[in-house]
């Protein structure tokens, strides 16, 4: 009877903050598109599609002078306009896009 050998597990060494910053910068550069202001813009949906890295991407954008684009005001007309308007006051919407200055990804 042969002895059981333990399974070899490949454990990755934790990345340094510089490596994490470079990886997040690469994600931001890949997702960013031109903005009329001369900077770059990233859709929130694209950030969320990155999966577990989405919080790090948003934090990187904010740390590098990125700004959430102002949400458009809700329409107050229509059948449910009054009801929707009152609920928006207590539940602000998440920004649809984030805008980065022109020099951040240069």
C-alpha atoms as a PDB file:
ATOM      1  CA  UNK A   1       0.000   0.000   0.000  1.00  0.00           C
ATOM      2  CA  UNK A   2       1.432   3.390  -0.955  1.00  0.00           C
ATOM      3  CA  UNK A   3       1.244   6.446   1.235  1.00  0.00           C
ATOM      4  CA  UNK A   4      -1.012   9.327   0.330  1.00  0.00           C
ATOM      5  CA  UNK A   5       0.881  12.388  -0.818  1.00  0.00           C
ATOM      6  CA  UNK A   6      -0.602  15.793  -0.060  1.00  0.00           C
ATOM      7  CA  UNK A   7      -1.874  17.817  -2.965  1.00  0.00           C
ATOM      8  CA  UNK A   8       0.417  20.655  -3.998  1.00  0.00           C
ATOM      9  CA  UNK A   9      -1.437  23.941  -3.912  1.00  0.00           C
ATOM     10  CA  UNK A  10      -0.174  26.899  -5.903  1.00  0.00           C
ATOM     11  CA  UNK A  11      -0.549  29.871  -3.574  1.00  0.00           C
ATOM     12  CA  UNK A  12      -0.085  33.263  -5.074  1.00  0.00           C
ATOM     13  CA  UNK A  13       1.965  35.825  -3.245  1.00  0.00           C
ATOM     14  CA  UNK A  14      -0.190  38.819  -2.304  1.00  0.00           C
ATOM     15  CA  UNK A  15       0.268  41.651  -4.782  1.00  0.00           C
ATOM     16  CA  UNK A  16       1.893  44.866  -3.668  1.00  0.00           C
ATOM     17  CA  UNK A  17      -0.125  48.057  -3.742  1.00  0.00           C
ATOM     18  CA  UNK A  18       1.853  49.227  -6.796  1.00  0.00           C
ATOM     19  CA  UNK A  19       0.908  46.038  -8.659  1.00  0.00           C
ATOM     20  CA  UNK A  20      -2.738  46.452  -7.658  1.00  0.00           C
ATOM     21  CA  UNK A  21      -2.663  50.092  -8.758  1.00  0.00           C
ATOM     22  CA  UNK A  22      -1.173  49.131 -12.128  1.00  0.00           C
ATOM     23  CA  UNK A  23      -3.758  46.399 -12.624  1.00  0.00           C
ATOM     24  CA  UNK A  24      -6.622  48.749 -11.778  1.00  0.00           C
ATOM     25  CA  UNK A  25      -5.163  51.448 -14.035  1.00  0.00           C
ATOM     26  CA  UNK A  26      -5.107  48.908 -16.884  1.00  0.00           C
ATOM     27  CA  UNK A  27      -8.782  48.106 -16.290  1.00  0.00           C
ATOM     28  CA  UNK A  28      -9.671  51.814 -16.247  1.00  0.00           C
ATOM     29  CA  UNK A  29      -7.694  52.454 -19.448  1.00  0.00           C
ATOM     30  CA  UNK A  30      -9.466  49.568 -21.173  1.00  0.00           C
ATOM     31  CA  UNK A  31     -12.942  50.721 -20.122  1.00  0.00           C
ATOM     32  CA  UNK A  32     -12.476  54.472 -20.672  1.00  0.00           C
ATOM     33  CA  UNK A  33     -13.823  56.280 -23.724  1.00  0.00           C
ATOM     34  CA  UNK A  34     -13.308  59.836 -24.935  1.00  0.00           C
ATOM     35  CA  UNK A  35     -15.444  62.541 -23.321  1.00  0.00           C
ATOM     36  CA  UNK A  36     -16.329  65.937 -24.862  1.00  0.00           C
ATOM     37  CA  UNK A  37     -14.486  67.656 -21.985  1.00  0.00           C
ATOM     38  CA  UNK A  38     -11.207  66.223 -23.284  1.00  0.00           C
ATOM     39  CA  UNK A  39     -11.003  63.692 -20.491  1.00  0.00           C
ATOM     40  CA  UNK A  40     -12.197  60.124 -20.385  1.00  0.00           C
ATOM     41  CA  UNK A  41     -15.535  58.648 -19.314  1.00  0.00           C
ATOM     42  CA  UNK A  42     -16.400  55.206 -17.981  1.00  0.00           C
ATOM     43  CA  UNK A  43     -19.912  53.810 -17.864  1.00  0.00           C
ATOM     44  CA  UNK A  44     -20.963  52.424 -14.488  1.00  0.00           C
ATOM     45  CA  UNK A  45     -22.359  49.338 -16.221  1.00  0.00           C
ATOM     46  CA  UNK A  46     -18.912  48.566 -17.659  1.00  0.00           C
ATOM     47  CA  UNK A  47     -17.361  48.926 -14.204  1.00  0.00           C
ATOM     48  CA  UNK A  48     -19.943  46.580 -12.680  1.00  0.00           C
ATOM     49  CA  UNK A  49     -19.278  44.049 -15.444  1.00  0.00           C
ATOM     50  CA  UNK A  50     -15.709  43.729 -14.149  1.00  0.00           C
ATOM     51  CA  UNK A  51     -17.123  41.681 -11.295  1.00  0.00           C
ATOM     52  CA  UNK A  52     -15.323  41.631  -7.945  1.00  0.00           C
ATOM     53  CA  UNK A  53     -12.895  44.367  -9.037  1.00  0.00           C
ATOM     54  CA  UNK A  54     -15.642  46.970  -9.460  1.00  0.00           C
ATOM     55  CA  UNK A  55     -15.209  48.526  -5.998  1.00  0.00           C
ATOM     56  CA  UNK A  56     -11.454  48.891  -6.549  1.00  0.00           C
ATOM     57  CA  UNK A  57     -12.069  50.500  -9.948  1.00  0.00           C
ATOM     58  CA  UNK A  58     -14.467  53.100  -8.519  1.00  0.00           C
ATOM     59  CA  UNK A  59     -12.074  53.815  -5.637  1.00  0.00           C
ATOM     60  CA  UNK A  60      -9.196  54.270  -8.113  1.00  0.00           C
ATOM     61  CA  UNK A  61     -11.258  56.677 -10.223  1.00  0.00           C
ATOM     62  CA  UNK A  62     -12.219  58.801  -7.206  1.00  0.00           C
ATOM     63  CA  UNK A  63      -8.630  58.777  -5.899  1.00  0.00           C
ATOM     64  CA  UNK A  64      -7.391  60.085  -9.265  1.00  0.00           C
ATOM     65  CA  UNK A  65      -9.728  63.112  -9.400  1.00  0.00           C
ATOM     66  CA  UNK A  66     -12.511  61.309 -11.246  1.00  0.00           C
ATOM     67  CA  UNK A  67     -16.000  62.650 -10.673  1.00  0.00           C
ATOM     68  CA  UNK A  68     -19.339  60.913 -10.866  1.00  0.00           C
ATOM     69  CA  UNK A  69     -21.406  62.505 -13.596  1.00  0.00           C
ATOM     70  CA  UNK A  70     -24.448  64.325 -12.248  1.00  0.00           C
ATOM     71  CA  UNK A  71     -27.594  62.250 -12.552  1.00  0.00           C
ATOM     72  CA  UNK A  72     -30.297  63.636 -14.776  1.00  0.00           C
ATOM     73  CA  UNK A  73     -33.392  64.842 -12.929  1.00  0.00           C
ATOM     74  CA  UNK A  74     -36.316  62.456 -12.994  1.00  0.00           C
ATOM     75  CA  UNK A  75     -39.243  63.284 -15.206  1.00  0.00           C
ATOM     76  CA  UNK A  76     -42.167  64.551 -13.201  1.00  0.00           C
ATOM     77  CA  UNK A  77     -44.813  64.054 -15.836  1.00  0.00           C
ATOM     78  CA  UNK A  78     -46.740  60.950 -16.686  1.00  0.00           C
ATOM     79  CA  UNK A  79     -48.882  58.532 -14.808  1.00  0.00           C
ATOM     80  CA  UNK A  80     -46.363  57.760 -12.033  1.00  0.00           C
ATOM     81  CA  UNK A  81     -44.350  61.005 -12.127  1.00  0.00           C
ATOM     82  CA  UNK A  82     -45.361  62.269  -8.687  1.00  0.00           C
ATOM     83  CA  UNK A  83     -44.766  58.922  -7.022  1.00  0.00           C
ATOM     84  CA  UNK A  84     -41.343  58.482  -8.632  1.00  0.00           C
ATOM     85  CA  UNK A  85     -40.315  62.035  -7.776  1.00  0.00           C
ATOM     86  CA  UNK A  86     -41.050  61.580  -4.068  1.00  0.00           C
ATOM     87  CA  UNK A  87     -39.124  58.304  -3.904  1.00  0.00           C
ATOM     88  CA  UNK A  88     -36.035  59.817  -5.552  1.00  0.00           C
ATOM     89  CA  UNK A  89     -35.602  62.279  -2.731  1.00  0.00           C
ATOM     90  CA  UNK A  90     -35.003  59.460  -0.258  1.00  0.00           C
ATOM     91  CA  UNK A  91     -33.150  57.104  -2.657  1.00  0.00           C
ATOM     92  CA  UNK A  92     -30.588  58.981  -4.751  1.00  0.00           C
ATOM     93  CA  UNK A  93     -29.482  57.206  -7.915  1.00  0.00           C
ATOM     94  CA  UNK A  94     -25.992  55.887  -8.437  1.00  0.00           C
ATOM     95  CA  UNK A  95     -24.062  57.842 -11.066  1.00  0.00           C
ATOM     96  CA  UNK A  96     -24.389  56.494 -14.588  1.00  0.00           C
ATOM     97  CA  UNK A  97     -20.852  57.471 -15.604  1.00  0.00           C
ATOM     98  CA  UNK A  98     -17.557  58.611 -14.093  1.00  0.00           C
ATOM     99  CA  UNK A  99     -15.508  61.333 -15.807  1.00  0.00           C
ATOM    100  CA  UNK A 100     -11.713  61.447 -15.483  1.00  0.00           C
ATOM    101  CA  UNK A 101      -9.539  64.500 -16.217  1.00  0.00           C
ATOM    102  CA  UNK A 102      -7.535  64.430 -19.456  1.00  0.00           C
ATOM    103  CA  UNK A 103      -4.136  64.028 -17.771  1.00  0.00           C
ATOM    104  CA  UNK A 104      -4.943  60.957 -15.653  1.00  0.00           C
ATOM    105  CA  UNK A 105      -4.483  58.301 -18.341  1.00  0.00           C
ATOM    106  CA  UNK A 106      -2.013  60.228 -20.478  1.00  0.00           C
END
